[in-house]
Amino acid sequence: MTIKKIGIVGLGAIGAVYGKMLQEVEGLEVQIIVDEHRKTKYEKEKFYINDEETSFHYIHPDTQSEAFDLVLLAVKYGQLQEAISLIRPFVGEKTVILSLLNGITSEEEIAQSYGEEKILYSICNGIDSTREGNRIYYSTPGIITFGERVNIELTVRVKEVKECLERANIPVDVPEDMERALWNKFMINVGMNQASAVTRAPYAFFQKEGSARELAISAMKEVIQLAQAKEIDLTEQDMNYFFANVLSKVGGTGKTSMLQDIEAGRKTEVALFAEKVIDYGQKLGIETPINQAFYRIIKTVEEMQG
């Protein structure tokens, strides 16, 4: 089966960029799965990606449609259950679901509804897109890392998704150990998202030595301790690689998704990051003081914003 029909849930800073790249590929049919309210809103206001007017095709769950070959979930964690319901009419026997959400738990939640055989584990790193209303700006699409839990030999569906994304010029990586890759991304999110949220600092402040980077590193080290206690091969070398080879390539004026949430007065994904670290720490008997402080600060900010 060659991938031809793609459904996307979420037109934020990530979903819109990948949606645009995919729909520009000849032979791919890309549709954005939305509820009636969002369908009306999006059709009315349109989108601008790097100042280029971009039109998408929208589909409502009540619309008669064949199953999609590939479904991308690019929503916030708080919208995950709604997204799981929205895609139900479009998930068929051979549909593959990729969750581009932050954190390390979304695949489990999707699998509860559709079965693990529908899921490929996935994360996206290095994309520096920011959304301001209906305008989205980015300088790099980053990289989607995905696969089965173990990828010593690539399965047919992994090969098909890889080929599809590469046709859209979306950089991809299929690591042998996907669980390790998920924890690596978790480490980055816990440090970068939360340190930027409490300092209000864009990427430029983390691209150089200094207080902002030190704050992120201190939170990342707590994740490394947890991973090693779970016998996952994550080390400070992974953290150093991120700063030297990934963060260095993004635009300095870009902002993490959590900082964008704080600035827009939205609820953050602190439950996916600090709260999850604290929970793992308690179960494993490991102190997590930096993440406990992050949790209290971010929850206070959310409370103040109402």
Protein backbone atom coordinates (compact mmCIF):
# COMPACT_ATOMS: atom_id res chain seq x y z
CA MET A 1 0.00 0.00 0.00
CA THR A 2 1.39 3.39 -1.03
CA ILE A 3 0.21 6.26 1.15
CA LYS A 4 -2.18 8.51 -0.77
CA LYS A 5 -4.79 9.81 1.70
CA ILE A 6 -3.59 11.73 4.78
CA GLY A 7 -5.65 13.24 7.59
CA ILE A 8 -4.27 15.80 10.03
CA VAL A 9 -5.78 16.93 13.33
CA GLY A 10 -4.41 20.23 14.61
CA LEU A 11 -3.47 23.35 12.64
CA GLY A 12 -1.10 24.87 15.14
CA ALA A 13 2.52 25.77 14.57
CA ILE A 14 3.42 22.14 13.70
CA GLY A 15 0.33 20.75 11.98
CA ALA A 16 0.02 23.67 9.57
CA VAL A 17 3.66 23.51 8.47
CA TYR A 18 3.63 19.75 7.83
CA GLY A 19 0.17 19.98 6.28
CA LYS A 20 1.38 22.55 3.76
CA MET A 21 4.49 20.52 2.89
CA LEU A 22 2.49 17.31 2.40
CA GLN A 23 -0.29 18.83 0.29
CA GLU A 24 2.28 20.21 -2.16
CA VAL A 25 3.27 16.65 -3.13
CA GLU A 26 1.65 15.47 -6.35
CA GLY A 27 -0.55 12.44 -5.75
CA LEU A 28 -1.15 13.06 -2.04
CA GLU A 29 -4.64 13.96 -0.83
CA VAL A 30 -4.36 15.86 2.47
CA GLN A 31 -7.37 16.83 4.55
CA ILE A 32 -7.62 18.55 7.92
CA ILE A 33 -10.03 16.77 10.27
CA VAL A 34 -12.01 19.38 12.21
CA ASP A 35 -15.24 19.90 14.14
CA GLU A 36 -17.92 22.14 12.65
CA HIS A 37 -16.87 25.21 14.65
CA ARG A 38 -13.24 25.05 13.53
CA LYS A 39 -14.24 24.26 9.93
CA THR A 40 -16.28 27.49 9.77
CA LYS A 41 -13.57 29.50 11.51
CA TYR A 42 -10.66 28.25 9.39
CA GLU A 43 -12.51 28.65 6.08
CA LYS A 44 -13.34 32.23 7.04
CA GLU A 45 -9.94 33.47 8.24
CA LYS A 46 -7.45 31.49 6.10
CA PHE A 47 -3.81 30.81 7.01
CA TYR A 48 -0.55 32.52 6.13
CA ILE A 49 2.65 30.46 6.39
CA ASN A 50 5.78 32.59 6.09
CA ASP A 51 3.41 35.28 4.74
CA GLU A 52 2.17 33.01 1.92
CA GLU A 53 -1.60 32.51 1.87
CA THR A 54 -2.22 28.80 2.37
CA SER A 55 -5.51 27.00 1.80
CA PHE A 56 -6.34 23.63 3.31
CA HIS A 57 -9.10 21.12 2.62
CA TYR A 58 -11.27 20.49 5.70
CA ILE A 59 -13.32 17.41 6.50
CA HIS A 60 -15.86 16.89 9.29
CA PRO A 61 -16.30 13.48 10.99
CA ASP A 62 -19.91 13.29 9.75
CA THR A 63 -18.72 13.46 6.13
CA GLN A 64 -18.79 10.20 4.21
CA SER A 65 -15.18 9.30 3.44
CA GLU A 66 -12.88 6.35 2.92
CA ALA A 67 -10.36 5.58 5.64
CA PHE A 68 -7.10 7.50 5.55
CA ASP A 69 -3.82 5.72 4.98
CA LEU A 70 -2.03 7.99 7.45
CA VAL A 71 -3.34 10.19 10.28
CA LEU A 72 -1.13 12.79 11.96
CA LEU A 73 -2.14 14.13 15.37
CA ALA A 74 -0.60 17.57 15.99
CA VAL A 75 -2.69 18.87 18.88
CA LYS A 76 -1.95 19.91 22.46
CA TYR A 77 -2.23 17.21 25.11
CA GLY A 78 -5.42 18.77 26.49
CA GLN A 79 -7.07 18.19 23.09
CA LEU A 80 -5.91 14.59 22.67
CA GLN A 81 -9.14 12.85 23.72
CA GLU A 82 -11.15 15.08 21.38
CA ALA A 83 -8.72 14.26 18.55
CA ILE A 84 -9.03 10.53 19.25
CA SER A 85 -12.82 10.84 18.84
CA LEU A 86 -12.59 13.04 15.72
CA ILE A 87 -10.52 10.55 13.74
CA ARG A 88 -12.73 7.51 14.41
CA PRO A 89 -14.62 7.55 11.06
CA PHE A 90 -11.33 7.80 9.18
CA VAL A 91 -9.41 4.94 10.83
CA GLY A 92 -9.57 1.76 8.80
CA GLU A 93 -7.91 -1.63 8.91
CA LYS A 94 -4.61 -0.37 7.45
CA THR A 95 -4.56 3.20 8.81
CA VAL A 96 -1.31 4.26 10.50
CA ILE A 97 -1.51 6.88 13.27
CA LEU A 98 1.44 9.16 14.11
CA SER A 99 1.18 11.28 17.25
CA LEU A 100 3.40 14.36 17.14
CA LEU A 101 2.40 15.39 20.67
CA ASN A 102 4.92 16.25 23.32
CA GLY A 103 5.46 13.87 26.23
CA ILE A 104 5.76 10.09 26.37
CA THR A 105 2.18 8.94 26.99
CA SER A 106 0.02 9.91 23.97
CA GLU A 107 0.67 6.68 22.04
CA GLU A 108 -0.62 4.62 24.98
CA GLU A 109 -3.82 6.66 25.10
CA ILE A 110 -4.40 6.36 21.34
CA ALA A 111 -3.72 2.61 21.49
CA GLN A 112 -6.47 2.22 24.11
CA SER A 113 -8.98 3.31 21.45
CA TYR A 114 -7.48 1.88 18.27
CA GLY A 115 -5.02 -0.83 19.28
CA GLU A 116 -1.23 -0.77 19.32
CA GLU A 117 -1.10 -2.19 15.78
CA LYS A 118 -2.35 1.18 14.43
CA ILE A 119 0.38 3.22 16.15
CA LEU A 120 3.87 4.20 15.12
CA TYR A 121 5.80 6.00 17.85
CA SER A 122 6.83 9.47 16.78
CA ILE A 123 8.25 12.82 17.86
CA CYS A 124 9.30 15.97 16.06
CA ASN A 125 12.45 17.89 16.96
CA GLY A 126 14.03 21.12 15.82
CA ILE A 127 11.02 22.74 14.14
CA ASP A 128 11.09 26.43 15.09
CA SER A 129 7.61 27.45 13.96
CA THR A 130 5.61 30.05 15.86
CA ARG A 131 1.94 30.87 15.43
CA GLU A 132 0.46 34.33 15.88
CA GLY A 133 -3.25 34.13 15.18
CA ASN A 134 -3.62 32.78 11.65
CA ARG A 135 0.01 33.53 10.74
CA ILE A 136 2.74 30.93 11.11
CA TYR A 137 6.44 31.52 10.68
CA TYR A 138 9.27 28.98 10.53
CA SER A 139 12.78 28.67 9.15
CA THR A 140 13.31 24.91 9.53
CA PRO A 141 10.81 22.00 9.49
CA GLY A 142 12.97 20.11 11.99
CA ILE A 143 12.93 16.32 11.84
CA ILE A 144 10.29 13.68 12.53
CA THR A 145 11.73 10.70 14.38
CA PHE A 146 9.40 7.71 14.22
CA GLY A 147 9.10 3.96 13.99
CA GLU A 148 8.09 0.78 15.73
CA ARG A 149 9.35 0.42 19.30
CA VAL A 150 12.38 -1.42 17.86
CA ASN A 151 13.58 -0.81 14.28
CA ILE A 152 16.47 -3.15 13.54
CA GLU A 153 14.73 -4.10 10.28
CA LEU A 154 12.16 -1.64 8.92
CA THR A 155 8.60 -2.91 8.68
CA VAL A 156 6.56 -2.29 5.53
CA ARG A 157 4.49 0.46 7.15
CA VAL A 158 7.57 2.26 8.46
CA LYS A 159 9.06 2.20 4.95
CA GLU A 160 5.82 3.58 3.48
CA VAL A 161 5.54 6.44 5.99
CA LYS A 162 9.24 7.25 5.56
CA GLU A 163 8.87 7.42 1.77
CA CYS A 164 5.76 9.62 2.08
CA LEU A 165 7.39 12.16 4.44
CA GLU A 166 10.58 12.26 2.38
CA ARG A 167 8.56 13.04 -0.77
CA ALA A 168 7.32 16.13 1.09
CA ASN A 169 10.92 17.08 1.97
CA ILE A 170 10.24 16.51 5.66
CA PRO A 171 13.46 15.22 7.25
CA VAL A 172 12.98 11.87 8.99
CA ASP A 173 14.91 9.49 11.21
CA VAL A 174 14.05 5.90 12.15
CA PRO A 175 16.19 4.94 15.17
CA GLU A 176 16.81 1.37 16.25
CA ASP A 177 15.62 2.17 19.80
CA MET A 178 12.49 4.33 19.64
CA GLU A 179 11.90 4.31 23.39
CA ARG A 180 15.27 5.92 23.91
CA ALA A 181 14.38 8.54 21.26
CA LEU A 182 11.09 9.29 23.06
CA TRP A 183 12.91 9.82 26.35
CA ASN A 184 15.49 12.00 24.61
CA LYS A 185 12.68 14.27 23.35
CA PHE A 186 11.07 14.18 26.80
CA MET A 187 14.36 15.37 28.29
CA ILE A 188 14.53 18.26 25.79
CA ASN A 189 10.93 19.30 26.42
CA VAL A 190 11.26 19.17 30.19
CA GLY A 191 14.30 21.46 30.01
CA MET A 192 13.58 23.77 27.10
CA ASN A 193 9.82 24.24 27.29
CA GLN A 194 9.72 24.84 31.00
CA ALA A 195 12.87 26.96 31.33
CA SER A 196 11.65 29.18 28.50
CA ALA A 197 8.19 29.42 30.05
CA VAL A 198 9.45 30.65 33.42
CA THR A 199 12.10 33.00 31.95
CA ARG A 200 10.07 34.15 28.89
CA ALA A 201 13.30 33.67 26.89
CA PRO A 202 13.37 32.81 23.14
CA TYR A 203 15.80 30.25 21.71
CA ALA A 204 18.68 32.74 21.43
CA PHE A 205 19.18 32.72 25.21
CA PHE A 206 19.54 28.93 25.21
CA GLN A 207 21.88 28.85 22.22
CA LYS A 208 24.66 30.41 24.29
CA GLU A 209 26.26 29.66 27.63
CA GLY A 210 24.48 31.41 30.47
CA SER A 211 21.76 31.28 33.11
CA ALA A 212 18.90 30.26 30.79
CA ARG A 213 20.80 27.26 29.40
CA GLU A 214 22.00 26.25 32.89
CA LEU A 215 18.40 26.27 34.10
CA ALA A 216 17.29 24.00 31.25
CA ILE A 217 20.24 21.67 31.82
CA SER A 218 19.44 21.28 35.52
CA ALA A 219 15.93 20.05 34.64
CA MET A 220 17.23 17.78 31.87
CA LYS A 221 19.64 16.08 34.27
CA GLU A 222 16.71 15.00 36.43
CA VAL A 223 15.18 13.26 33.38
CA ILE A 224 18.50 11.54 32.62
CA GLN A 225 18.53 10.16 36.19
CA LEU A 226 15.00 8.81 35.77
CA ALA A 227 15.76 7.24 32.38
CA GLN A 228 18.86 5.50 33.67
CA ALA A 229 16.88 4.15 36.65
CA LYS A 230 14.47 2.66 34.06
CA GLU A 231 17.46 1.19 32.18
CA ILE A 232 17.02 3.50 29.20
CA ASP A 233 20.34 4.47 27.66
CA LEU A 234 20.08 8.27 27.98
CA THR A 235 23.18 10.23 29.01
CA GLU A 236 24.51 13.79 29.28
CA GLN A 237 26.08 13.22 25.85
CA ASP A 238 22.54 13.28 24.41
CA MET A 239 21.88 16.58 26.14
CA ASN A 240 25.14 18.08 24.88
CA TYR A 241 24.39 16.86 21.34
CA PHE A 242 21.06 18.67 21.42
CA PHE A 243 22.60 22.02 22.29
CA ALA A 244 25.51 21.66 19.84
CA ASN A 245 23.73 20.12 16.85
CA VAL A 246 19.97 20.72 17.07
CA LEU A 247 19.24 23.92 18.98
CA SER A 248 22.09 25.71 17.23
CA LYS A 249 20.25 25.35 13.90
CA VAL A 250 16.92 26.97 14.84
CA GLY A 251 16.11 30.66 14.57
CA GLY A 252 17.10 32.59 17.70
CA THR A 253 13.85 34.56 17.78
CA GLY A 254 11.78 31.36 17.83
CA LYS A 255 9.95 30.32 20.97
CA THR A 256 9.00 26.99 22.52
CA SER A 257 5.38 25.91 22.43
CA MET A 258 5.04 26.37 26.19
CA LEU A 259 6.30 29.95 26.04
CA GLN A 260 3.84 30.62 23.23
CA ASP A 261 1.07 29.19 25.45
CA ILE A 262 2.09 31.40 28.39
CA GLU A 263 2.19 34.52 26.23
CA ALA A 264 -1.23 33.72 24.74
CA GLY A 265 -2.76 33.05 28.17
CA ARG A 266 -3.45 29.39 27.31
CA LYS A 267 -3.13 26.40 29.61
CA THR A 268 0.30 24.79 29.26
CA GLU A 269 1.40 21.15 29.03
CA VAL A 270 3.08 21.21 32.45
CA ALA A 271 1.16 18.01 33.29
CA LEU A 272 3.17 16.26 30.55
CA PHE A 273 6.51 17.57 31.75
CA ALA A 274 7.18 18.59 35.39
CA GLU A 275 4.20 16.68 36.77
CA LYS A 276 5.27 13.52 34.95
CA VAL A 277 8.89 13.93 36.14
CA ILE A 278 7.72 14.39 39.74
CA ASP A 279 5.51 11.30 39.44
CA TYR A 280 8.35 9.14 38.04
CA GLY A 281 10.68 10.52 40.72
CA GLN A 282 8.34 9.50 43.51
CA LYS A 283 7.93 6.00 42.06
CA LEU A 284 11.68 5.55 41.56
CA GLY A 285 12.82 7.27 44.77
CA ILE A 286 14.69 10.04 42.90
CA GLU A 287 14.62 13.69 43.99
CA THR A 288 13.37 16.15 41.34
CA PRO A 289 13.62 19.62 42.96
CA ILE A 290 14.03 21.61 39.72
CA ASN A 291 10.89 20.16 38.20
CA GLN A 292 8.99 20.62 41.45
CA ALA A 293 9.91 24.32 41.32
CA PHE A 294 8.94 24.53 37.61
CA TYR A 295 5.59 22.92 38.38
CA ARG A 296 4.75 25.40 41.16
CA ILE A 297 5.83 28.44 39.13
CA ILE A 298 3.98 27.45 35.94
CA LYS A 299 0.80 26.45 37.79
CA THR A 300 0.88 29.81 39.59
CA VAL A 301 1.24 31.67 36.28
CA GLU A 302 -1.70 29.70 34.83
CA GLU A 303 -3.79 30.54 37.91
CA MET A 304 -2.96 34.24 37.61
CA GLN A 305 -3.98 34.21 33.94
CA GLY A 306 -7.27 32.57 34.82
